[in-house]
Amino acid sequence: MATYTITLNERTSSGKALKEYLQALGVFMSKVAPKAKSRPRIYDPETSRYLKDKVVKSIEEAHEDMKNGRLKSYDSVDDMFQDLGINV
């Protein structure tokens, strides 16, 4: 005997029909709520708002780049432009 977990969209006709069928067979056990995101929200006191998920993701990626040494540092903007091949 095995235990299976499936996700049904109960708002569609096929999802409702499958749920009723499984209940009729006596194999439908219970409804389990989906896992919520556990990502903490970060508050920015300067703007008096929470940061958007996209911004938090960018900050986390930049932090990973810093930890793994994938950043370049320059002494001046001119050095950066020269490294990037931009003629000013």
PDB file of N, CA and C in Angstrom:
ATOM      1  N   MET A   1       0.843  -1.175   0.000  1.00  0.00           N
ATOM      2  CA  MET A   1       0.000   0.000   0.000  1.00  0.00           C
ATOM      3  C   MET A   1       0.885   1.234   0.000  1.00  0.00           C
ATOM      4  N   ALA A   2       0.482   2.273  -0.714  1.00  0.00           N
ATOM      5  CA  ALA A   2       1.266   3.498  -0.808  1.00  0.00           C
ATOM      6  C   ALA A   2       0.380   4.697  -0.504  1.00  0.00           C
ATOM      7  N   THR A   3       1.007   5.768  -0.119  1.00  0.00           N
ATOM      8  CA  THR A   3       0.309   7.023   0.132  1.00  0.00           C
ATOM      9  C   THR A   3       0.733   8.020  -0.931  1.00  0.00           C
ATOM     10  N   TYR A   4      -0.242   8.671  -1.534  1.00  0.00           N
ATOM     11  CA  TYR A   4       0.032   9.650  -2.578  1.00  0.00           C
ATOM     12  C   TYR A   4      -0.536  11.002  -2.165  1.00  0.00           C
ATOM     13  N   THR A   5       0.161  12.033  -2.529  1.00  0.00           N
ATOM     14  CA  THR A   5      -0.310  13.390  -2.290  1.00  0.00           C
ATOM     15  C   THR A   5      -0.485  14.056  -3.646  1.00  0.00           C
ATOM     16  N   ILE A   6      -1.688  14.583  -3.877  1.00  0.00           N
ATOM     17  CA  ILE A   6      -1.936  15.282  -5.135  1.00  0.00           C
ATOM     18  C   ILE A   6      -2.504  16.656  -4.821  1.00  0.00           C
ATOM     19  N   THR A   7      -2.361  17.553  -5.765  1.00  0.00           N
ATOM     20  CA  THR A   7      -2.906  18.900  -5.630  1.00  0.00           C
ATOM     21  C   THR A   7      -4.031  19.062  -6.632  1.00  0.00           C
ATOM     22  N   LEU A   8      -5.189  19.476  -6.125  1.00  0.00           N
ATOM     23  CA  LEU A   8      -6.364  19.673  -6.974  1.00  0.00           C
ATOM     24  C   LEU A   8      -6.751  21.140  -6.975  1.00  0.00           C
ATOM     25  N   ASN A   9      -7.142  21.635  -8.125  1.00  0.00           N
ATOM     26  CA  ASN A   9      -7.721  22.958  -8.193  1.00  0.00           C
ATOM     27  C   ASN A   9      -9.219  22.775  -8.067  1.00  0.00           C
ATOM     28  N   GLU A  10      -9.763  23.050  -6.903  1.00  0.00           N
ATOM     29  CA  GLU A  10     -11.170  22.799  -6.631  1.00  0.00           C
ATOM     30  C   GLU A  10     -12.087  23.820  -7.293  1.00  0.00           C
ATOM     31  N   ARG A  11     -11.518  24.813  -7.964  1.00  0.00           N
ATOM     32  CA  ARG A  11     -12.337  25.820  -8.634  1.00  0.00           C
ATOM     33  C   ARG A  11     -12.691  25.412 -10.062  1.00  0.00           C
ATOM     34  N   THR A  12     -12.033  24.374 -10.582  1.00  0.00           N
ATOM     35  CA  THR A  12     -12.346  23.917 -11.939  1.00  0.00           C
ATOM     36  C   THR A  12     -13.323  22.756 -11.874  1.00  0.00           C
ATOM     37  N   SER A  13     -14.024  22.549 -12.954  1.00  0.00           N
ATOM     38  CA  SER A  13     -15.006  21.460 -12.975  1.00  0.00           C
ATOM     39  C   SER A  13     -14.312  20.099 -12.878  1.00  0.00           C
ATOM     40  N   SER A  14     -13.151  19.959 -13.541  1.00  0.00           N
ATOM     41  CA  SER A  14     -12.451  18.668 -13.473  1.00  0.00           C
ATOM     42  C   SER A  14     -11.890  18.424 -12.070  1.00  0.00           C
ATOM     43  N   GLY A  15     -11.450  19.479 -11.397  1.00  0.00           N
ATOM     44  CA  GLY A  15     -10.953  19.326 -10.033  1.00  0.00           C
ATOM     45  C   GLY A  15     -12.056  18.924  -9.072  1.00  0.00           C
ATOM     46  N   LYS A  16     -13.217  19.540  -9.236  1.00  0.00           N
ATOM     47  CA  LYS A  16     -14.371  19.189  -8.393  1.00  0.00           C
ATOM     48  C   LYS A  16     -14.804  17.749  -8.639  1.00  0.00           C
ATOM     49  N   ALA A  17     -14.821  17.364  -9.919  1.00  0.00           N
ATOM     50  CA  ALA A  17     -15.244  16.007 -10.263  1.00  0.00           C
ATOM     51  C   ALA A  17     -14.279  14.966  -9.702  1.00  0.00           C
ATOM     52  N   LEU A  18     -12.982  15.231  -9.807  1.00  0.00           N
ATOM     53  CA  LEU A  18     -12.004  14.283  -9.276  1.00  0.00           C
ATOM     54  C   LEU A  18     -12.109  14.172  -7.761  1.00  0.00           C
ATOM     55  N   LYS A  19     -12.328  15.286  -7.099  1.00  0.00           N
ATOM     56  CA  LYS A  19     -12.476  15.268  -5.640  1.00  0.00           C
ATOM     57  C   LYS A  19     -13.699  14.437  -5.241  1.00  0.00           C
ATOM     58  N   GLU A  20     -14.820  14.653  -5.921  1.00  0.00           N
ATOM     59  CA  GLU A  20     -16.029  13.877  -5.619  1.00  0.00           C
ATOM     60  C   GLU A  20     -15.811  12.388  -5.884  1.00  0.00           C
ATOM     61  N   TYR A  21     -15.101  12.069  -6.960  1.00  0.00           N
ATOM     62  CA  TYR A  21     -14.814  10.669  -7.291  1.00  0.00           C
ATOM     63  C   TYR A  21     -13.954  10.015  -6.206  1.00  0.00           C
ATOM     64  N   LEU A  22     -12.922  10.712  -5.774  1.00  0.00           N
ATOM     65  CA  LEU A  22     -12.051  10.163  -4.731  1.00  0.00           C
ATOM     66  C   LEU A  22     -12.795  10.014  -3.412  1.00  0.00           C
ATOM     67  N   GLN A  23     -13.697  10.953  -3.109  1.00  0.00           N
ATOM     68  CA  GLN A  23     -14.494  10.829  -1.892  1.00  0.00           C
ATOM     69  C   GLN A  23     -15.450   9.640  -1.987  1.00  0.00           C
ATOM     70  N   ALA A  24     -16.001   9.419  -3.162  1.00  0.00           N
ATOM     71  CA  ALA A  24     -16.914   8.283  -3.357  1.00  0.00           C
ATOM     72  C   ALA A  24     -16.181   6.956  -3.183  1.00  0.00           C
ATOM     73  N   LEU A  25     -14.909   6.920  -3.614  1.00  0.00           N
ATOM     74  CA  LEU A  25     -14.115   5.704  -3.432  1.00  0.00           C
ATOM     75  C   LEU A  25     -13.663   5.515  -1.986  1.00  0.00           C
ATOM     76  N   GLY A  26     -13.717   6.587  -1.213  1.00  0.00           N
ATOM     77  CA  GLY A  26     -13.288   6.513   0.176  1.00  0.00           C
ATOM     78  C   GLY A  26     -11.792   6.674   0.356  1.00  0.00           C
ATOM     79  N   VAL A  27     -11.124   7.249  -0.614  1.00  0.00           N
ATOM     80  CA  VAL A  27      -9.672   7.407  -0.508  1.00  0.00           C
ATOM     81  C   VAL A  27      -9.254   8.856  -0.282  1.00  0.00           C
ATOM     82  N   PHE A  28     -10.211   9.778  -0.341  1.00  0.00           N
ATOM     83  CA  PHE A  28      -9.884  11.180  -0.118  1.00  0.00           C
ATOM     84  C   PHE A  28      -9.794  11.405   1.381  1.00  0.00           C
ATOM     85  N   MET A  29      -8.621  11.798   1.859  1.00  0.00           N
ATOM     86  CA  MET A  29      -8.414  11.896   3.301  1.00  0.00           C
ATOM     87  C   MET A  29      -8.720  13.292   3.850  1.00  0.00           C
ATOM     88  N   SER A  30      -8.002  14.297   3.416  1.00  0.00           N
ATOM     89  CA  SER A  30      -8.222  15.631   3.958  1.00  0.00           C
ATOM     90  C   SER A  30      -7.602  16.676   3.052  1.00  0.00           C
ATOM     91  N   LYS A  31      -8.021  17.875   3.294  1.00  0.00           N
ATOM     92  CA  LYS A  31      -7.477  18.999   2.549  1.00  0.00           C
ATOM     93  C   LYS A  31      -6.320  19.584   3.346  1.00  0.00           C
ATOM     94  N   VAL A  32      -5.192  19.760   2.691  1.00  0.00           N
ATOM     95  CA  VAL A  32      -4.012  20.322   3.335  1.00  0.00           C
ATOM     96  C   VAL A  32      -3.738  21.675   2.704  1.00  0.00           C
ATOM     97  N   ALA A  33      -3.538  22.669   3.540  1.00  0.00           N
ATOM     98  CA  ALA A  33      -3.269  24.011   3.027  1.00  0.00           C
ATOM     99  C   ALA A  33      -1.879  24.050   2.395  1.00  0.00           C
ATOM    100  N   PRO A  34      -1.729  24.762   1.297  1.00  0.00           N
ATOM    101  CA  PRO A  34      -0.397  24.877   0.688  1.00  0.00           C
ATOM    102  C   PRO A  34       0.555  25.629   1.601  1.00  0.00           C
ATOM    103  N   LYS A  35       1.829  25.335   1.449  1.00  0.00           N
ATOM    104  CA  LYS A  35       2.832  25.994   2.268  1.00  0.00           C
ATOM    105  C   LYS A  35       2.947  27.463   1.864  1.00  0.00           C
ATOM    106  N   ALA A  36       2.975  28.302   2.857  1.00  0.00           N
ATOM    107  CA  ALA A  36       3.118  29.733   2.598  1.00  0.00           C
ATOM    108  C   ALA A  36       4.596  30.083   2.484  1.00  0.00           C
ATOM    109  N   LYS A  37       4.860  31.180   1.805  1.00  0.00           N
ATOM    110  CA  LYS A  37       6.240  31.637   1.715  1.00  0.00           C
ATOM    111  C   LYS A  37       6.732  32.008   3.100  1.00  0.00           C
ATOM    112  N   SER A  38       7.929  31.570   3.414  1.00  0.00           N
ATOM    113  CA  SER A  38       8.479  31.884   4.720  1.00  0.00           C
ATOM    114  C   SER A  38       9.533  32.983   4.637  1.00  0.00           C
ATOM    115  N   ARG A  39       9.597  33.647   3.492  1.00  0.00           N
ATOM    116  CA  ARG A  39      10.583  34.706   3.307  1.00  0.00           C
ATOM    117  C   ARG A  39      10.202  35.896   4.190  1.00  0.00           C
ATOM    118  N   PRO A  40      11.126  36.348   5.014  1.00  0.00           N
ATOM    119  CA  PRO A  40      10.810  37.496   5.876  1.00  0.00           C
ATOM    120  C   PRO A  40      10.702  38.781   5.060  1.00  0.00           C
ATOM    121  N   ARG A  41       9.843  39.660   5.494  1.00  0.00           N
ATOM    122  CA  ARG A  41       9.699  40.943   4.836  1.00  0.00           C
ATOM    123  C   ARG A  41      10.662  41.924   5.480  1.00  0.00           C
ATOM    124  N   ILE A  42      11.295  42.747   4.660  1.00  0.00           N
ATOM    125  CA  ILE A  42      12.286  43.694   5.159  1.00  0.00           C
ATOM    126  C   ILE A  42      11.693  45.098   5.088  1.00  0.00           C
ATOM    127  N   TYR A  43      11.722  45.788   6.225  1.00  0.00           N
ATOM    128  CA  TYR A  43      11.163  47.133   6.326  1.00  0.00           C
ATOM    129  C   TYR A  43      12.243  48.171   6.075  1.00  0.00           C
ATOM    130  N   ASP A  44      11.939  49.155   5.230  1.00  0.00           N
ATOM    131  CA  ASP A  44      12.857  50.249   4.933  1.00  0.00           C
ATOM    132  C   ASP A  44      12.369  51.488   5.677  1.00  0.00           C
ATOM    133  N   PRO A  45      13.070  51.899   6.740  1.00  0.00           N
ATOM    134  CA  PRO A  45      12.599  53.054   7.510  1.00  0.00           C
ATOM    135  C   PRO A  45      12.672  54.378   6.745  1.00  0.00           C
ATOM    136  N   GLU A  46      13.535  54.460   5.727  1.00  0.00           N
ATOM    137  CA  GLU A  46      13.637  55.706   4.964  1.00  0.00           C
ATOM    138  C   GLU A  46      12.381  55.975   4.145  1.00  0.00           C
ATOM    139  N   THR A  47      11.802  54.928   3.580  1.00  0.00           N
ATOM    140  CA  THR A  47      10.592  55.088   2.766  1.00  0.00           C
ATOM    141  C   THR A  47       9.332  54.715   3.532  1.00  0.00           C
ATOM    142  N   SER A  48       9.493  54.183   4.743  1.00  0.00           N
ATOM    143  CA  SER A  48       8.366  53.733   5.579  1.00  0.00           C
ATOM    144  C   SER A  48       7.538  52.670   4.878  1.00  0.00           C
ATOM    145  N   ARG A  49       8.213  51.798   4.125  1.00  0.00           N
ATOM    146  CA  ARG A  49       7.545  50.708   3.408  1.00  0.00           C
ATOM    147  C   ARG A  49       8.381  49.443   3.488  1.00  0.00           C
ATOM    148  N   TYR A  50       7.738  48.333   3.162  1.00  0.00           N
ATOM    149  CA  TYR A  50       8.449  47.067   3.057  1.00  0.00           C
ATOM    150  C   TYR A  50       9.035  46.953   1.655  1.00  0.00           C
ATOM    151  N   LEU A  51      10.189  46.317   1.559  1.00  0.00           N
ATOM    152  CA  LEU A  51      10.820  46.118   0.256  1.00  0.00           C
ATOM    153  C   LEU A  51      10.054  45.060  -0.527  1.00  0.00           C
ATOM    154  N   LYS A  52       9.978  45.252  -1.835  1.00  0.00           N
ATOM    155  CA  LYS A  52       9.310  44.275  -2.690  1.00  0.00           C
ATOM    156  C   LYS A  52      10.180  43.026  -2.810  1.00  0.00           C
ATOM    157  N   ASP A  53       9.548  41.892  -3.108  1.00  0.00           N
ATOM    158  CA  ASP A  53      10.272  40.623  -3.227  1.00  0.00           C
ATOM    159  C   ASP A  53      11.363  40.695  -4.282  1.00  0.00           C
ATOM    160  N   LYS A  54      11.112  41.431  -5.372  1.00  0.00           N
ATOM    161  CA  LYS A  54      12.092  41.554  -6.436  1.00  0.00           C
ATOM    162  C   LYS A  54      13.357  42.265  -5.929  1.00  0.00           C
ATOM    163  N   VAL A  55      13.167  43.283  -5.102  1.00  0.00           N
ATOM    164  CA  VAL A  55      14.302  44.031  -4.547  1.00  0.00           C
ATOM    165  C   VAL A  55      15.079  43.162  -3.564  1.00  0.00           C
ATOM    166  N   VAL A  56      14.352  42.424  -2.724  1.00  0.00           N
ATOM    167  CA  VAL A  56      15.002  41.545  -1.754  1.00  0.00           C
ATOM    168  C   VAL A  56      15.819  40.478  -2.478  1.00  0.00           C
ATOM    169  N   LYS A  57      15.267  39.928  -3.572  1.00  0.00           N
ATOM    170  CA  LYS A  57      15.986  38.917  -4.343  1.00  0.00           C
ATOM    171  C   LYS A  57      17.270  39.495  -4.936  1.00  0.00           C
ATOM    172  N   SER A  58      17.207  40.731  -5.434  1.00  0.00           N
ATOM    173  CA  SER A  58      18.395  41.380  -5.994  1.00  0.00           C
ATOM    174  C   SER A  58      19.463  41.592  -4.930  1.00  0.00           C
ATOM    175  N   ILE A  59      19.037  41.987  -3.740  1.00  0.00           N
ATOM    176  CA  ILE A  59      19.980  42.183  -2.637  1.00  0.00           C
ATOM    177  C   ILE A  59      20.629  40.863  -2.255  1.00  0.00           C
ATOM    178  N   GLU A  60      19.829  39.793  -2.195  1.00  0.00           N
ATOM    179  CA  GLU A  60      20.383  38.478  -1.851  1.00  0.00           C
ATOM    180  C   GLU A  60      21.377  37.999  -2.905  1.00  0.00           C
ATOM    181  N   GLU A  61      21.072  38.234  -4.188  1.00  0.00           N
ATOM    182  CA  GLU A  61      22.000  37.844  -5.253  1.00  0.00           C
ATOM    183  C   GLU A  61      23.301  38.636  -5.156  1.00  0.00           C
ATOM    184  N   ALA A  62      23.209  39.930  -4.866  1.00  0.00           N
ATOM    185  CA  ALA A  62      24.408  40.753  -4.717  1.00  0.00           C
ATOM    186  C   ALA A  62      25.241  40.276  -3.526  1.00  0.00           C
ATOM    187  N   HIS A  63      24.568  39.875  -2.464  1.00  0.00           N
ATOM    188  CA  HIS A  63      25.286  39.367  -1.289  1.00  0.00           C
ATOM    189  C   HIS A  63      26.010  38.068  -1.620  1.00  0.00           C
ATOM    190  N   GLU A  64      25.368  37.200  -2.392  1.00  0.00           N
ATOM    191  CA  GLU A  64      26.016  35.960  -2.819  1.00  0.00           C
ATOM    192  C   GLU A  64      27.228  36.257  -3.693  1.00  0.00           C
ATOM    193  N   ASP A  65      27.098  37.246  -4.590  1.00  0.00           N
ATOM    194  CA  ASP A  65      28.241  37.636  -5.423  1.00  0.00           C
ATOM    195  C   ASP A  65      29.398  38.129  -4.562  1.00  0.00           C
ATOM    196  N   MET A  66      29.086  38.901  -3.531  1.00  0.00           N
ATOM    197  CA  MET A  66      30.133  39.403  -2.636  1.00  0.00           C
ATOM    198  C   MET A  66      30.818  38.247  -1.910  1.00  0.00           C
ATOM    199  N   LYS A  67      30.023  37.294  -1.419  1.00  0.00           N
ATOM    200  CA  LYS A  67      30.600  36.163  -0.680  1.00  0.00           C
ATOM    201  C   LYS A  67      31.477  35.301  -1.570  1.00  0.00           C
ATOM    202  N   ASN A  68      31.115  35.171  -2.845  1.00  0.00           N
ATOM    203  CA  ASN A  68      31.845  34.291  -3.758  1.00  0.00           C
ATOM    204  C   ASN A  68      32.898  35.021  -4.580  1.00  0.00           C
ATOM    205  N   GLY A  69      33.141  36.278  -4.295  1.00  0.00           N
ATOM    206  CA  GLY A  69      34.210  37.021  -4.952  1.00  0.00           C
ATOM    207  C   GLY A  69      33.965  37.327  -6.411  1.00  0.00           C
ATOM    208  N   ARG A  70      32.709  37.528  -6.798  1.00  0.00           N
ATOM    209  CA  ARG A  70      32.390  37.811  -8.197  1.00  0.00           C
ATOM    210  C   ARG A  70      32.183  39.306  -8.440  1.00  0.00           C
ATOM    211  N   LEU A  71      32.861  40.142  -7.660  1.00  0.00           N
ATOM    212  CA  LEU A  71      32.741  41.582  -7.817  1.00  0.00           C
ATOM    213  C   LEU A  71      34.081  42.180  -8.185  1.00  0.00           C
ATOM    214  N   LYS A  72      34.039  43.281  -8.914  1.00  0.00           N
ATOM    215  CA  LYS A  72      35.253  44.018  -9.240  1.00  0.00           C
ATOM    216  C   LYS A  72      35.189  45.346  -8.508  1.00  0.00           C
ATOM    217  N   SER A  73      36.340  45.828  -8.100  1.00  0.00           N
ATOM    218  CA  SER A  73      36.391  47.161  -7.503  1.00  0.00           C
ATOM    219  C   SER A  73      37.337  48.022  -8.319  1.00  0.00           C
ATOM    220  N   TYR A  74      37.012  49.278  -8.398  1.00  0.00           N
ATOM    221  CA  TYR A  74      37.784  50.234  -9.182  1.00  0.00           C
ATOM    222  C   TYR A  74      38.172  51.415  -8.299  1.00  0.00           C
ATOM    223  N   ASP A  75      39.302  52.023  -8.635  1.00  0.00           N
ATOM    224  CA  ASP A  75      39.745  53.200  -7.896  1.00  0.00           C
ATOM    225  C   ASP A  75      38.991  54.445  -8.337  1.00  0.00           C
ATOM    226  N   SER A  76      38.544  54.454  -9.589  1.00  0.00           N
ATOM    227  CA  SER A  76      37.811  55.615 -10.083  1.00  0.00           C
ATOM    228  C   SER A  76      36.830  55.172 -11.164  1.00  0.00           C
ATOM    229  N   VAL A  77      35.970  56.097 -11.523  1.00  0.00           N
ATOM    230  CA  VAL A  77      34.995  55.822 -12.574  1.00  0.00           C
ATOM    231  C   VAL A  77      35.716  55.662 -13.910  1.00  0.00           C
ATOM    232  N   ASP A  78      36.780  56.411 -14.103  1.00  0.00           N
ATOM    233  CA  ASP A  78      37.547  56.312 -15.342  1.00  0.00           C
ATOM    234  C   ASP A  78      38.132  54.915 -15.519  1.00  0.00           C
ATOM    235  N   ASP A  79      38.620  54.327 -14.423  1.00  0.00           N
ATOM    236  CA  ASP A  79      39.156  52.962 -14.491  1.00  0.00           C
ATOM    237  C   ASP A  79      38.059  51.969 -14.867  1.00  0.00           C
ATOM    238  N   MET A  80      36.864  52.173 -14.324  1.00  0.00           N
ATOM    239  CA  MET A  80      35.748  51.283 -14.632  1.00  0.00           C
ATOM    240  C   MET A  80      35.378  51.398 -16.114  1.00  0.00           C
ATOM    241  N   PHE A  81      35.271  52.646 -16.612  1.00  0.00           N
ATOM    242  CA  PHE A  81      34.943  52.845 -18.016  1.00  0.00           C
ATOM    243  C   PHE A  81      35.993  52.224 -18.916  1.00  0.00           C
ATOM    244  N   GLN A  82      37.262  52.354 -18.553  1.00  0.00           N
ATOM    245  CA  GLN A  82      38.341  51.796 -19.356  1.00  0.00           C
ATOM    246  C   GLN A  82      38.239  50.270 -19.381  1.00  0.00           C
ATOM    247  N   ASP A  83      37.940  49.667 -18.233  1.00  0.00           N
ATOM    248  CA  ASP A  83      37.813  48.211 -18.151  1.00  0.00           C
ATOM    249  C   ASP A  83      36.625  47.725 -18.991  1.00  0.00           C
ATOM    250  N   LEU A  84      35.566  48.508 -19.024  1.00  0.00           N
ATOM    251  CA  LEU A  84      34.377  48.125 -19.784  1.00  0.00           C
ATOM    252  C   LEU A  84      34.483  48.497 -21.266  1.00  0.00           C
ATOM    253  N   GLY A  85      35.528  49.217 -21.640  1.00  0.00           N
ATOM    254  CA  GLY A  85      35.722  49.590 -23.041  1.00  0.00           C
ATOM    255  C   GLY A  85      34.883  50.773 -23.461  1.00  0.00           C
ATOM    256  N   ILE A  86      34.537  51.631 -22.489  1.00  0.00           N
ATOM    257  CA  ILE A  86      33.742  52.819 -22.791  1.00  0.00           C
ATOM    258  C   ILE A  86      34.689  54.012 -22.882  1.00  0.00           C
ATOM    259  N   ASN A  87      34.649  54.694 -24.008  1.00  0.00           N
ATOM    260  CA  ASN A  87      35.501  55.872 -24.191  1.00  0.00           C
ATOM    261  C   ASN A  87      34.698  57.128 -23.883  1.00  0.00           C
ATOM    262  N   VAL A  88      35.181  57.865 -22.902  1.00  0.00           N
ATOM    263  CA  VAL A  88      34.479  59.098 -22.517  1.00  0.00           C
ATOM    264  C   VAL A  88      35.338  60.290 -22.810  1.00  0.00           C
TER     265      VAL A  88
END
